[in-house]
C-alpha atoms as a PDB file:
ATOM      1  CA  GLN A   1     -16.886   1.413   6.703  1.00  0.00           C
ATOM      2  CA  VAL A   2     -13.231   0.814   7.044  1.00  0.00           C
ATOM      3  CA  GLN A   3     -10.740   3.535   8.262  1.00  0.00           C
ATOM      4  CA  LEU A   4      -7.240   3.086   7.036  1.00  0.00           C
ATOM      5  CA  VAL A   5      -4.148   4.734   8.617  1.00  0.00           C
ATOM      6  CA  GLU A   6      -0.786   4.609   6.811  1.00  0.00           C
ATOM      7  CA  SER A   7       2.684   5.214   8.305  1.00  0.00           C
ATOM      8  CA  GLY A   8       6.323   4.663   7.578  1.00  0.00           C
ATOM      9  CA  GLY A   9       6.941   7.025   4.867  1.00  0.00           C
ATOM     10  CA  GLY A  10       9.943   9.295   4.857  1.00  0.00           C
ATOM     11  CA  LEU A  11      13.125  10.404   3.120  1.00  0.00           C
ATOM     12  CA  VAL A  12      15.569   7.790   1.974  1.00  0.00           C
ATOM     13  CA  ARG A  13      18.491   7.722  -0.460  1.00  0.00           C
ATOM     14  CA  ALA A  14      18.490   5.597  -3.578  1.00  0.00           C
ATOM     15  CA  GLY A  15      19.181   1.962  -2.832  1.00  0.00           C
ATOM     16  CA  GLY A  16      17.703   2.346   0.524  1.00  0.00           C
ATOM     17  CA  SER A  17      14.660   0.656   2.158  1.00  0.00           C
ATOM     18  CA  LEU A  18      11.444   1.625   3.769  1.00  0.00           C
ATOM     19  CA  THR A  19       8.492  -0.227   5.160  1.00  0.00           C
ATOM     20  CA  LEU A  20       4.974   1.267   4.954  1.00  0.00           C
ATOM     21  CA  SER A  21       2.147   0.057   7.255  1.00  0.00           C
ATOM     22  CA  CYS A  22      -1.509   0.437   6.939  1.00  0.00           C
ATOM     23  CA  GLN A  23      -3.867  -0.242   9.793  1.00  0.00           C
ATOM     24  CA  ALA A  24      -7.534  -1.110   9.184  1.00  0.00           C
ATOM     25  CA  SER A  25     -10.208  -0.275  11.707  1.00  0.00           C
ATOM     26  CA  ARG A  26     -11.662  -3.787  11.309  1.00  0.00           C
ATOM     27  CA  SER A  27     -10.343  -7.384  10.519  1.00  0.00           C
ATOM     28  CA  ILE A  28      -8.678  -7.407   7.149  1.00  0.00           C
ATOM     29  CA  LEU A  29      -9.966 -11.000   6.746  1.00  0.00           C
ATOM     30  CA  SER A  30     -13.209  -9.535   5.927  1.00  0.00           C
ATOM     31  CA  ILE A  31     -11.856  -7.308   3.235  1.00  0.00           C
ATOM     32  CA  GLY A  32     -11.781  -8.493  -0.262  1.00  0.00           C
ATOM     33  CA  ILE A  33      -8.670  -6.492  -1.433  1.00  0.00           C
ATOM     34  CA  MET A  34      -5.941  -4.583   0.294  1.00  0.00           C
ATOM     35  CA  ALA A  35      -3.769  -2.509  -1.903  1.00  0.00           C
ATOM     36  CA  TRP A  36      -1.053   0.109  -2.018  1.00  0.00           C
ATOM     37  CA  TYR A  37      -1.391   2.797  -4.550  1.00  0.00           C
ATOM     38  CA  ARG A  38       1.009   5.925  -5.387  1.00  0.00           C
ATOM     39  CA  GLN A  39       0.677   9.275  -6.931  1.00  0.00           C
ATOM     40  CA  ALA A  40       3.373  11.482  -7.976  1.00  0.00           C
ATOM     41  CA  PRO A  41       2.814  15.156  -8.719  1.00  0.00           C
ATOM     42  CA  GLY A  42       1.156  15.648 -12.096  1.00  0.00           C
ATOM     43  CA  LYS A  43       0.684  11.980 -12.741  1.00  0.00           C
ATOM     44  CA  GLN A  44      -2.161   9.556 -12.302  1.00  0.00           C
ATOM     45  CA  ARG A  45      -2.625   7.352  -9.297  1.00  0.00           C
ATOM     46  CA  GLU A  46      -1.300   3.976 -10.060  1.00  0.00           C
ATOM     47  CA  LEU A  47      -1.547   0.559  -8.479  1.00  0.00           C
ATOM     48  CA  VAL A  48       1.647  -0.737  -6.892  1.00  0.00           C
ATOM     49  CA  ALA A  49       0.697  -3.877  -5.096  1.00  0.00           C
ATOM     50  CA  SER A  50      -2.396  -5.715  -4.023  1.00  0.00           C
ATOM     51  CA  PHE A  51      -3.341  -8.661  -1.805  1.00  0.00           C
ATOM     52  CA  THR A  52      -6.683 -10.552  -2.012  1.00  0.00           C
ATOM     53  CA  SER A  53      -8.367 -12.084   1.013  1.00  0.00           C
ATOM     54  CA  GLY A  54      -7.415 -15.344  -0.788  1.00  0.00           C
ATOM     55  CA  GLY A  55      -3.852 -14.700  -0.498  1.00  0.00           C
ATOM     56  CA  ILE A  56      -3.162 -13.686  -4.069  1.00  0.00           C
ATOM     57  CA  LYS A  57      -0.569 -10.963  -4.619  1.00  0.00           C
ATOM     58  CA  ASN A  58      -0.080  -8.633  -7.476  1.00  0.00           C
ATOM     59  CA  TYR A  59       2.557  -6.212  -8.249  1.00  0.00           C
ATOM     60  CA  THR A  60       3.148  -3.498 -10.962  1.00  0.00           C
ATOM     61  CA  GLU A  61       5.985  -4.179 -13.195  1.00  0.00           C
ATOM     62  CA  SER A  62       8.194  -1.631 -12.267  1.00  0.00           C
ATOM     63  CA  VAL A  63       8.327  -2.793  -8.509  1.00  0.00           C
ATOM     64  CA  LYS A  64       8.542  -6.461  -8.965  1.00  0.00           C
ATOM     65  CA  GLY A  65      11.424  -8.054  -7.187  1.00  0.00           C
ATOM     66  CA  ARG A  66      11.944  -4.924  -5.094  1.00  0.00           C
ATOM     67  CA  PHE A  67       8.635  -4.404  -3.192  1.00  0.00           C
ATOM     68  CA  THR A  68       6.850  -6.963  -1.215  1.00  0.00           C
ATOM     69  CA  ILE A  69       3.386  -6.728   0.052  1.00  0.00           C
ATOM     70  CA  SER A  70       2.363  -8.814   3.419  1.00  0.00           C
ATOM     71  CA  ARG A  71      -0.193  -8.728   5.993  1.00  0.00           C
ATOM     72  CA  ASP A  72      -0.530  -9.464   9.688  1.00  0.00           C
ATOM     73  CA  ASN A  73      -4.004 -10.393  10.322  1.00  0.00           C
ATOM     74  CA  SER A  74      -3.782 -10.334  14.050  1.00  0.00           C
ATOM     75  CA  LYS A  75      -2.844  -6.519  13.735  1.00  0.00           C
ATOM     76  CA  ASN A  76      -5.349  -5.805  11.012  1.00  0.00           C
ATOM     77  CA  THR A  77      -2.231  -4.432   9.216  1.00  0.00           C
ATOM     78  CA  VAL A  78      -0.983  -4.703   5.586  1.00  0.00           C
ATOM     79  CA  TYR A  79       2.723  -3.720   5.010  1.00  0.00           C
ATOM     80  CA  LEU A  80       4.694  -2.802   1.919  1.00  0.00           C
ATOM     81  CA  GLN A  81       8.391  -3.615   2.216  1.00  0.00           C
ATOM     82  CA  MET A  82      10.268  -1.435  -0.291  1.00  0.00           C
ATOM     83  CA  ASN A  83      13.957  -2.250  -1.097  1.00  0.00           C
ATOM     84  CA  SER A  84      16.295  -0.896  -3.745  1.00  0.00           C
ATOM     85  CA  LEU A  85      14.377   2.253  -3.761  1.00  0.00           C
ATOM     86  CA  LYS A  86      14.836   4.600  -6.808  1.00  0.00           C
ATOM     87  CA  PRO A  87      14.222   8.337  -7.328  1.00  0.00           C
ATOM     88  CA  GLU A  88      11.227   7.373  -9.444  1.00  0.00           C
ATOM     89  CA  ASP A  89       9.628   5.675  -6.479  1.00  0.00           C
ATOM     90  CA  THR A  90       8.883   9.206  -5.015  1.00  0.00           C
ATOM     91  CA  SER A  91       5.306   9.553  -4.597  1.00  0.00           C
ATOM     92  CA  LEU A  92       2.412   9.826  -2.074  1.00  0.00           C
ATOM     93  CA  TYR A  93       1.486   6.286  -1.036  1.00  0.00           C
ATOM     94  CA  TYR A  94      -1.928   5.327  -0.304  1.00  0.00           C
ATOM     95  CA  CYS A  95      -3.442   2.388   1.306  1.00  0.00           C
ATOM     96  CA  ASN A  96      -6.645   1.069  -0.272  1.00  0.00           C
ATOM     97  CA  ALA A  97      -9.353  -1.316   0.865  1.00  0.00           C
ATOM     98  CA  VAL A  98     -12.146  -2.890  -1.291  1.00  0.00           C
ATOM     99  CA  PHE A  99     -14.724  -4.504   0.697  1.00  0.00           C
ATOM    100  CA  ALA A 100     -18.388  -5.778   0.786  1.00  0.00           C
ATOM    101  CA  ASP A 101     -21.079  -4.569   3.023  1.00  0.00           C
ATOM    102  CA  GLY A 102     -24.121  -6.472   2.212  1.00  0.00           C
ATOM    103  CA  SER A 103     -24.729  -6.730  -1.368  1.00  0.00           C
ATOM    104  CA  ALA A 104     -22.573  -3.541  -2.064  1.00  0.00           C
ATOM    105  CA  TRP A 105     -18.787  -3.256  -2.631  1.00  0.00           C
ATOM    106  CA  TYR A 106     -17.041  -0.117  -1.171  1.00  0.00           C
ATOM    107  CA  ASN A 107     -13.672   1.600  -1.504  1.00  0.00           C
ATOM    108  CA  SER A 108     -11.749   3.210   1.433  1.00  0.00           C
ATOM    109  CA  TRP A 109      -8.507   5.147   1.238  1.00  0.00           C
ATOM    110  CA  GLY A 110      -6.027   6.237   3.831  1.00  0.00           C
ATOM    111  CA  GLN A 111      -4.762   9.734   3.984  1.00  0.00           C
ATOM    112  CA  GLY A 112      -1.488   9.113   2.306  1.00  0.00           C
ATOM    113  CA  THR A 113       2.239   8.810   3.571  1.00  0.00           C
ATOM    114  CA  GLN A 114       4.992  10.579   1.457  1.00  0.00           C
ATOM    115  CA  VAL A 115       7.930   8.584   0.290  1.00  0.00           C
ATOM    116  CA  THR A 116      10.863  10.649  -1.126  1.00  0.00           C
ATOM    117  CA  VAL A 117      14.010   8.940  -2.599  1.00  0.00           C
ATOM    118  CA  SER A 118      16.873  11.103  -3.117  1.00  0.00           C
ATOM    119  CA  GLU A 119      19.848  10.575  -5.765  1.00  0.00           C
END
């Protein structure tokens, strides 16, 4: 199993920046995919950005050029740098890990961190 702990959410004005952190309970080098999702009230959870163990990054269209996913392997931590924030970025942001244990694949989620962007 992998435990994930997010931090870094908060309240920011439009145009501002925040950096979210997600610390895993084990080496992220052994995790197939680390990702950030978000879910606003009344909406489905959506993928924001992902980072494979092979170093491939992927972003949802609405955040391209504004958000950057990165990782620090020595700290078992994945980051989401969010710049030029917009009110529509307001959501509960979740860290996600997809990893193999033997022949099976598993999904772990953090508890979420709230990001609120005011006008």
